[in-house]
Amino acid sequence: MKDYIQKMFEWHKYPINAALHAVALIVLIIALWNRSWMWIVIAIIVAAIGHLIQETYGHKARISKLEGKKRK
């Protein structure tokens, strides 16, 4: 369980991703309250965009690390 929680914190360590998830959570709560499927889908898309941004930054970091090893 500890590894899962640690992995979740690592997924949300970038401020842009965390902010998008906060916005998505607020939109999702309001959408569920109003039973609006369109806004529920929008909240899911906003959260997915946050994860894509997170993965892009992580991928750039891995590439930079590999390029640094090649230069040595």
PDB file of N, CA and C in Angstrom:
ATOM      1  N   MET A   1       0.823  -1.192   0.000  1.00  0.00           N
ATOM      2  CA  MET A   1       0.000   0.000   0.000  1.00  0.00           C
ATOM      3  C   MET A   1       0.870   1.260   0.000  1.00  0.00           C
ATOM      4  N   LYS A   2       1.983   1.205   0.709  1.00  0.00           N
ATOM      5  CA  LYS A   2       2.872   2.362   0.777  1.00  0.00           C
ATOM      6  C   LYS A   2       3.441   2.686  -0.602  1.00  0.00           C
ATOM      7  N   ASP A   3       3.793   1.663  -1.377  1.00  0.00           N
ATOM      8  CA  ASP A   3       4.324   1.883  -2.714  1.00  0.00           C
ATOM      9  C   ASP A   3       3.285   2.529  -3.621  1.00  0.00           C
ATOM     10  N   TYR A   4       2.034   2.129  -3.476  1.00  0.00           N
ATOM     11  CA  TYR A   4       0.960   2.699  -4.279  1.00  0.00           C
ATOM     12  C   TYR A   4       0.779   4.188  -3.973  1.00  0.00           C
ATOM     13  N   ILE A   5       0.776   4.535  -2.707  1.00  0.00           N
ATOM     14  CA  ILE A   5       0.620   5.938  -2.316  1.00  0.00           C
ATOM     15  C   ILE A   5       1.811   6.759  -2.807  1.00  0.00           C
ATOM     16  N   GLN A   6       3.005   6.205  -2.678  1.00  0.00           N
ATOM     17  CA  GLN A   6       4.195   6.900  -3.144  1.00  0.00           C
ATOM     18  C   GLN A   6       4.135   7.100  -4.663  1.00  0.00           C
ATOM     19  N   LYS A   7       3.662   6.104  -5.394  1.00  0.00           N
ATOM     20  CA  LYS A   7       3.530   6.213  -6.838  1.00  0.00           C
ATOM     21  C   LYS A   7       2.503   7.284  -7.209  1.00  0.00           C
ATOM     22  N   MET A   8       1.414   7.379  -6.462  1.00  0.00           N
ATOM     23  CA  MET A   8       0.401   8.395  -6.719  1.00  0.00           C
ATOM     24  C   MET A   8       0.965   9.799  -6.484  1.00  0.00           C
ATOM     25  N   PHE A   9       1.770   9.971  -5.442  1.00  0.00           N
ATOM     26  CA  PHE A   9       2.392  11.274  -5.195  1.00  0.00           C
ATOM     27  C   PHE A   9       3.369  11.638  -6.308  1.00  0.00           C
ATOM     28  N   GLU A  10       4.101  10.656  -6.820  1.00  0.00           N
ATOM     29  CA  GLU A  10       5.029  10.930  -7.912  1.00  0.00           C
ATOM     30  C   GLU A  10       4.290  11.323  -9.186  1.00  0.00           C
ATOM     31  N   TRP A  11       3.122  10.733  -9.423  1.00  0.00           N
ATOM     32  CA  TRP A  11       2.334  11.061 -10.614  1.00  0.00           C
ATOM     33  C   TRP A  11       1.862  12.505 -10.581  1.00  0.00           C
ATOM     34  N   HIS A  12       1.690  13.071  -9.402  1.00  0.00           N
ATOM     35  CA  HIS A  12       1.124  14.410  -9.276  1.00  0.00           C
ATOM     36  C   HIS A  12       2.132  15.423  -8.734  1.00  0.00           C
ATOM     37  N   LYS A  13       3.417  15.192  -8.955  1.00  0.00           N
ATOM     38  CA  LYS A  13       4.412  16.085  -8.370  1.00  0.00           C
ATOM     39  C   LYS A  13       4.607  17.373  -9.166  1.00  0.00           C
ATOM     40  N   TYR A  14       4.254  17.374 -10.436  1.00  0.00           N
ATOM     41  CA  TYR A  14       4.389  18.594 -11.222  1.00  0.00           C
ATOM     42  C   TYR A  14       3.215  19.528 -10.943  1.00  0.00           C
ATOM     43  N   PRO A  15       3.488  20.811 -10.729  1.00  0.00           N
ATOM     44  CA  PRO A  15       2.420  21.758 -10.365  1.00  0.00           C
ATOM     45  C   PRO A  15       1.318  21.878 -11.414  1.00  0.00           C
ATOM     46  N   ILE A  16       1.676  21.794 -12.691  1.00  0.00           N
ATOM     47  CA  ILE A  16       0.657  21.910 -13.740  1.00  0.00           C
ATOM     48  C   ILE A  16      -0.315  20.742 -13.648  1.00  0.00           C
ATOM     49  N   ASN A  17       0.213  19.549 -13.463  1.00  0.00           N
ATOM     50  CA  ASN A  17      -0.624  18.357 -13.348  1.00  0.00           C
ATOM     51  C   ASN A  17      -1.508  18.448 -12.102  1.00  0.00           C
ATOM     52  N   ALA A  18      -0.937  18.861 -10.997  1.00  0.00           N
ATOM     53  CA  ALA A  18      -1.716  18.975  -9.764  1.00  0.00           C
ATOM     54  C   ALA A  18      -2.819  20.024  -9.903  1.00  0.00           C
ATOM     55  N   ALA A  19      -2.513  21.142 -10.554  1.00  0.00           N
ATOM     56  CA  ALA A  19      -3.522  22.195 -10.740  1.00  0.00           C
ATOM     57  C   ALA A  19      -4.653  21.711 -11.647  1.00  0.00           C
ATOM     58  N   LEU A  20      -4.298  21.030 -12.727  1.00  0.00           N
ATOM     59  CA  LEU A  20      -5.333  20.512 -13.624  1.00  0.00           C
ATOM     60  C   LEU A  20      -6.205  19.478 -12.920  1.00  0.00           C
ATOM     61  N   HIS A  21      -5.605  18.675 -12.057  1.00  0.00           N
ATOM     62  CA  HIS A  21      -6.402  17.699 -11.317  1.00  0.00           C
ATOM     63  C   HIS A  21      -7.321  18.382 -10.298  1.00  0.00           C
ATOM     64  N   ALA A  22      -6.858  19.452  -9.699  1.00  0.00           N
ATOM     65  CA  ALA A  22      -7.712  20.195  -8.770  1.00  0.00           C
ATOM     66  C   ALA A  22      -8.906  20.792  -9.512  1.00  0.00           C
ATOM     67  N   VAL A  23      -8.651  21.369 -10.680  1.00  0.00           N
ATOM     68  CA  VAL A  23      -9.741  21.921 -11.491  1.00  0.00           C
ATOM     69  C   VAL A  23     -10.697  20.808 -11.910  1.00  0.00           C
ATOM     70  N   ALA A  24     -10.139  19.687 -12.346  1.00  0.00           N
ATOM     71  CA  ALA A  24     -10.976  18.560 -12.766  1.00  0.00           C
ATOM     72  C   ALA A  24     -11.827  18.038 -11.611  1.00  0.00           C
ATOM     73  N   LEU A  25     -11.272  18.010 -10.417  1.00  0.00           N
ATOM     74  CA  LEU A  25     -12.033  17.545  -9.254  1.00  0.00           C
ATOM     75  C   LEU A  25     -13.204  18.474  -8.953  1.00  0.00           C
ATOM     76  N   ILE A  26     -12.950  19.776  -9.001  1.00  0.00           N
ATOM     77  CA  ILE A  26     -14.024  20.743  -8.737  1.00  0.00           C
ATOM     78  C   ILE A  26     -15.122  20.624  -9.803  1.00  0.00           C
ATOM     79  N   VAL A  27     -14.710  20.546 -11.064  1.00  0.00           N
ATOM     80  CA  VAL A  27     -15.691  20.407 -12.147  1.00  0.00           C
ATOM     81  C   VAL A  27     -16.457  19.101 -12.004  1.00  0.00           C
ATOM     82  N   LEU A  28     -15.762  18.038 -11.637  1.00  0.00           N
ATOM     83  CA  LEU A  28     -16.420  16.744 -11.479  1.00  0.00           C
ATOM     84  C   LEU A  28     -17.444  16.765 -10.357  1.00  0.00           C
ATOM     85  N   ILE A  29     -17.116  17.369  -9.239  1.00  0.00           N
ATOM     86  CA  ILE A  29     -18.058  17.438  -8.118  1.00  0.00           C
ATOM     87  C   ILE A  29     -19.309  18.221  -8.517  1.00  0.00           C
ATOM     88  N   ILE A  30     -19.116  19.361  -9.163  1.00  0.00           N
ATOM     89  CA  ILE A  30     -20.267  20.159  -9.595  1.00  0.00           C
ATOM     90  C   ILE A  30     -21.083  19.400 -10.644  1.00  0.00           C
ATOM     91  N   ALA A  31     -20.391  18.727 -11.576  1.00  0.00           N
ATOM     92  CA  ALA A  31     -21.087  17.978 -12.626  1.00  0.00           C
ATOM     93  C   ALA A  31     -21.886  16.819 -12.048  1.00  0.00           C
ATOM     94  N   LEU A  32     -21.320  16.135 -11.060  1.00  0.00           N
ATOM     95  CA  LEU A  32     -22.060  15.038 -10.432  1.00  0.00           C
ATOM     96  C   LEU A  32     -23.267  15.567  -9.671  1.00  0.00           C
ATOM     97  N   TRP A  33     -23.102  16.714  -9.055  1.00  0.00           N
ATOM     98  CA  TRP A  33     -24.219  17.318  -8.311  1.00  0.00           C
ATOM     99  C   TRP A  33     -25.368  17.665  -9.261  1.00  0.00           C
ATOM    100  N   ASN A  34     -25.004  18.197 -10.435  1.00  0.00           N
ATOM    101  CA  ASN A  34     -26.014  18.612 -11.415  1.00  0.00           C
ATOM    102  C   ASN A  34     -26.387  17.503 -12.403  1.00  0.00           C
ATOM    103  N   ARG A  35     -25.717  16.381 -12.318  1.00  0.00           N
ATOM    104  CA  ARG A  35     -25.923  15.230 -13.209  1.00  0.00           C
ATOM    105  C   ARG A  35     -25.757  15.623 -14.672  1.00  0.00           C
ATOM    106  N   SER A  36     -24.664  16.290 -14.963  1.00  0.00           N
ATOM    107  CA  SER A  36     -24.364  16.754 -16.314  1.00  0.00           C
ATOM    108  C   SER A  36     -23.256  15.878 -16.910  1.00  0.00           C
ATOM    109  N   TRP A  37     -23.621  15.030 -17.852  1.00  0.00           N
ATOM    110  CA  TRP A  37     -22.652  14.117 -18.459  1.00  0.00           C
ATOM    111  C   TRP A  37     -21.583  14.864 -19.241  1.00  0.00           C
ATOM    112  N   MET A  38     -21.966  15.963 -19.878  1.00  0.00           N
ATOM    113  CA  MET A  38     -21.001  16.723 -20.664  1.00  0.00           C
ATOM    114  C   MET A  38     -19.862  17.234 -19.768  1.00  0.00           C
ATOM    115  N   TRP A  39     -20.176  17.769 -18.609  1.00  0.00           N
ATOM    116  CA  TRP A  39     -19.153  18.301 -17.713  1.00  0.00           C
ATOM    117  C   TRP A  39     -18.358  17.190 -17.034  1.00  0.00           C
ATOM    118  N   ILE A  40     -18.971  16.039 -16.838  1.00  0.00           N
ATOM    119  CA  ILE A  40     -18.225  14.885 -16.297  1.00  0.00           C
ATOM    120  C   ILE A  40     -17.137  14.481 -17.289  1.00  0.00           C
ATOM    121  N   VAL A  41     -17.498  14.411 -18.555  1.00  0.00           N
ATOM    122  CA  VAL A  41     -16.527  14.064 -19.599  1.00  0.00           C
ATOM    123  C   VAL A  41     -15.435  15.130 -19.696  1.00  0.00           C
ATOM    124  N   ILE A  42     -15.810  16.396 -19.589  1.00  0.00           N
ATOM    125  CA  ILE A  42     -14.826  17.480 -19.617  1.00  0.00           C
ATOM    126  C   ILE A  42     -13.849  17.347 -18.451  1.00  0.00           C
ATOM    127  N   ALA A  43     -14.342  17.010 -17.266  1.00  0.00           N
ATOM    128  CA  ALA A  43     -13.466  16.828 -16.104  1.00  0.00           C
ATOM    129  C   ALA A  43     -12.487  15.680 -16.332  1.00  0.00           C
ATOM    130  N   ILE A  44     -12.956  14.605 -16.931  1.00  0.00           N
ATOM    131  CA  ILE A  44     -12.077  13.468 -17.215  1.00  0.00           C
ATOM    132  C   ILE A  44     -11.018  13.859 -18.239  1.00  0.00           C
ATOM    133  N   ILE A  45     -11.409  14.629 -19.245  1.00  0.00           N
ATOM    134  CA  ILE A  45     -10.457  15.075 -20.269  1.00  0.00           C
ATOM    135  C   ILE A  45      -9.400  15.996 -19.663  1.00  0.00           C
ATOM    136  N   VAL A  46      -9.810  16.897 -18.780  1.00  0.00           N
ATOM    137  CA  VAL A  46      -8.850  17.802 -18.125  1.00  0.00           C
ATOM    138  C   VAL A  46      -7.849  16.996 -17.294  1.00  0.00           C
ATOM    139  N   ALA A  47      -8.328  15.991 -16.573  1.00  0.00           N
ATOM    140  CA  ALA A  47      -7.423  15.143 -15.787  1.00  0.00           C
ATOM    141  C   ALA A  47      -6.473  14.370 -16.706  1.00  0.00           C
ATOM    142  N   ALA A  48      -6.985  13.887 -17.829  1.00  0.00           N
ATOM    143  CA  ALA A  48      -6.136  13.151 -18.778  1.00  0.00           C
ATOM    144  C   ALA A  48      -5.063  14.060 -19.371  1.00  0.00           C
ATOM    145  N   ILE A  49      -5.412  15.313 -19.654  1.00  0.00           N
ATOM    146  CA  ILE A  49      -4.425  16.266 -20.162  1.00  0.00           C
ATOM    147  C   ILE A  49      -3.317  16.475 -19.128  1.00  0.00           C
ATOM    148  N   GLY A  50      -3.696  16.540 -17.857  1.00  0.00           N
ATOM    149  CA  GLY A  50      -2.692  16.651 -16.798  1.00  0.00           C
ATOM    150  C   GLY A  50      -1.738  15.473 -16.788  1.00  0.00           C
ATOM    151  N   HIS A  51      -2.271  14.279 -16.991  1.00  0.00           N
ATOM    152  CA  HIS A  51      -1.416  13.095 -17.023  1.00  0.00           C
ATOM    153  C   HIS A  51      -0.532  13.088 -18.263  1.00  0.00           C
ATOM    154  N   LEU A  52      -1.031  13.578 -19.380  1.00  0.00           N
ATOM    155  CA  LEU A  52      -0.204  13.659 -20.587  1.00  0.00           C
ATOM    156  C   LEU A  52       0.952  14.639 -20.391  1.00  0.00           C
ATOM    157  N   ILE A  53       0.675  15.764 -19.752  1.00  0.00           N
ATOM    158  CA  ILE A  53       1.734  16.726 -19.459  1.00  0.00           C
ATOM    159  C   ILE A  53       2.778  16.099 -18.540  1.00  0.00           C
ATOM    160  N   GLN A  54       2.318  15.389 -17.527  1.00  0.00           N
ATOM    161  CA  GLN A  54       3.218  14.710 -16.590  1.00  0.00           C
ATOM    162  C   GLN A  54       4.109  13.715 -17.331  1.00  0.00           C
ATOM    163  N   GLU A  55       3.512  12.922 -18.204  1.00  0.00           N
ATOM    164  CA  GLU A  55       4.274  11.912 -18.927  1.00  0.00           C
ATOM    165  C   GLU A  55       5.265  12.564 -19.893  1.00  0.00           C
ATOM    166  N   THR A  56       4.892  13.685 -20.487  1.00  0.00           N
ATOM    167  CA  THR A  56       5.791  14.392 -21.396  1.00  0.00           C
ATOM    168  C   THR A  56       7.020  14.898 -20.659  1.00  0.00           C
ATOM    169  N   TYR A  57       6.825  15.520 -19.486  1.00  0.00           N
ATOM    170  CA  TYR A  57       7.969  15.994 -18.707  1.00  0.00           C
ATOM    171  C   TYR A  57       8.831  14.828 -18.232  1.00  0.00           C
ATOM    172  N   GLY A  58       8.197  13.735 -17.834  1.00  0.00           N
ATOM    173  CA  GLY A  58       8.962  12.562 -17.401  1.00  0.00           C
ATOM    174  C   GLY A  58       9.762  11.966 -18.541  1.00  0.00           C
ATOM    175  N   HIS A  59       9.180  11.952 -19.736  1.00  0.00           N
ATOM    176  CA  HIS A  59       9.865  11.404 -20.900  1.00  0.00           C
ATOM    177  C   HIS A  59      11.054  12.282 -21.274  1.00  0.00           C
ATOM    178  N   LYS A  60      10.883  13.601 -21.211  1.00  0.00           N
ATOM    179  CA  LYS A  60      11.994  14.505 -21.515  1.00  0.00           C
ATOM    180  C   LYS A  60      13.136  14.315 -20.523  1.00  0.00           C
ATOM    181  N   ALA A  61      12.809  14.087 -19.261  1.00  0.00           N
ATOM    182  CA  ALA A  61      13.845  13.873 -18.249  1.00  0.00           C
ATOM    183  C   ALA A  61      14.607  12.577 -18.511  1.00  0.00           C
ATOM    184  N   ARG A  62      13.889  11.519 -18.908  1.00  0.00           N
ATOM    185  CA  ARG A  62      14.552  10.245 -19.209  1.00  0.00           C
ATOM    186  C   ARG A  62      15.464  10.377 -20.427  1.00  0.00           C
ATOM    187  N   ILE A  63      15.023  11.114 -21.445  1.00  0.00           N
ATOM    188  CA  ILE A  63      15.845  11.310 -22.640  1.00  0.00           C
ATOM    189  C   ILE A  63      17.093  12.114 -22.293  1.00  0.00           C
ATOM    190  N   SER A  64      16.947  13.158 -21.502  1.00  0.00           N
ATOM    191  CA  SER A  64      18.106  13.968 -21.106  1.00  0.00           C
ATOM    192  C   SER A  64      19.114  13.131 -20.327  1.00  0.00           C
ATOM    193  N   LYS A  65      18.607  12.257 -19.460  1.00  0.00           N
ATOM    194  CA  LYS A  65      19.503  11.402 -18.674  1.00  0.00           C
ATOM    195  C   LYS A  65      20.256  10.438 -19.586  1.00  0.00           C
ATOM    196  N   LEU A  66      19.560   9.866 -20.571  1.00  0.00           N
ATOM    197  CA  LEU A  66      20.219   8.948 -21.498  1.00  0.00           C
ATOM    198  C   LEU A  66      21.248   9.674 -22.362  1.00  0.00           C
ATOM    199  N   GLU A  67      20.938  10.869 -22.816  1.00  0.00           N
ATOM    200  CA  GLU A  67      21.884  11.636 -23.625  1.00  0.00           C
ATOM    201  C   GLU A  67      23.122  12.019 -22.818  1.00  0.00           C
ATOM    202  N   GLY A  68      22.934  12.283 -21.527  1.00  0.00           N
ATOM    203  CA  GLY A  68      24.058  12.591 -20.664  1.00  0.00           C
ATOM    204  C   GLY A  68      24.993  11.412 -20.511  1.00  0.00           C
ATOM    205  N   LYS A  69      24.431  10.213 -20.468  1.00  0.00           N
ATOM    206  CA  LYS A  69      25.275   9.002 -20.356  1.00  0.00           C
ATOM    207  C   LYS A  69      26.042   8.759 -21.651  1.00  0.00           C
ATOM    208  N   LYS A  70      25.418   9.059 -22.797  1.00  0.00           N
ATOM    209  CA  LYS A  70      26.089   8.838 -24.091  1.00  0.00           C
ATOM    210  C   LYS A  70      27.282   9.776 -24.255  1.00  0.00           C
ATOM    211  N   ARG A  71      27.201  10.975 -23.755  1.00  0.00           N
ATOM    212  CA  ARG A  71      28.268  11.961 -23.913  1.00  0.00           C
ATOM    213  C   ARG A  71      29.505  11.622 -23.089  1.00  0.00           C
ATOM    214  N   LYS A  72      29.344  10.875 -22.028  1.00  0.00           N
ATOM    215  CA  LYS A  72      30.474  10.558 -21.140  1.00  0.00           C
ATOM    216  C   LYS A  72      31.331   9.487 -21.692  1.00  0.00           C
TER     217      LYS A  72
END
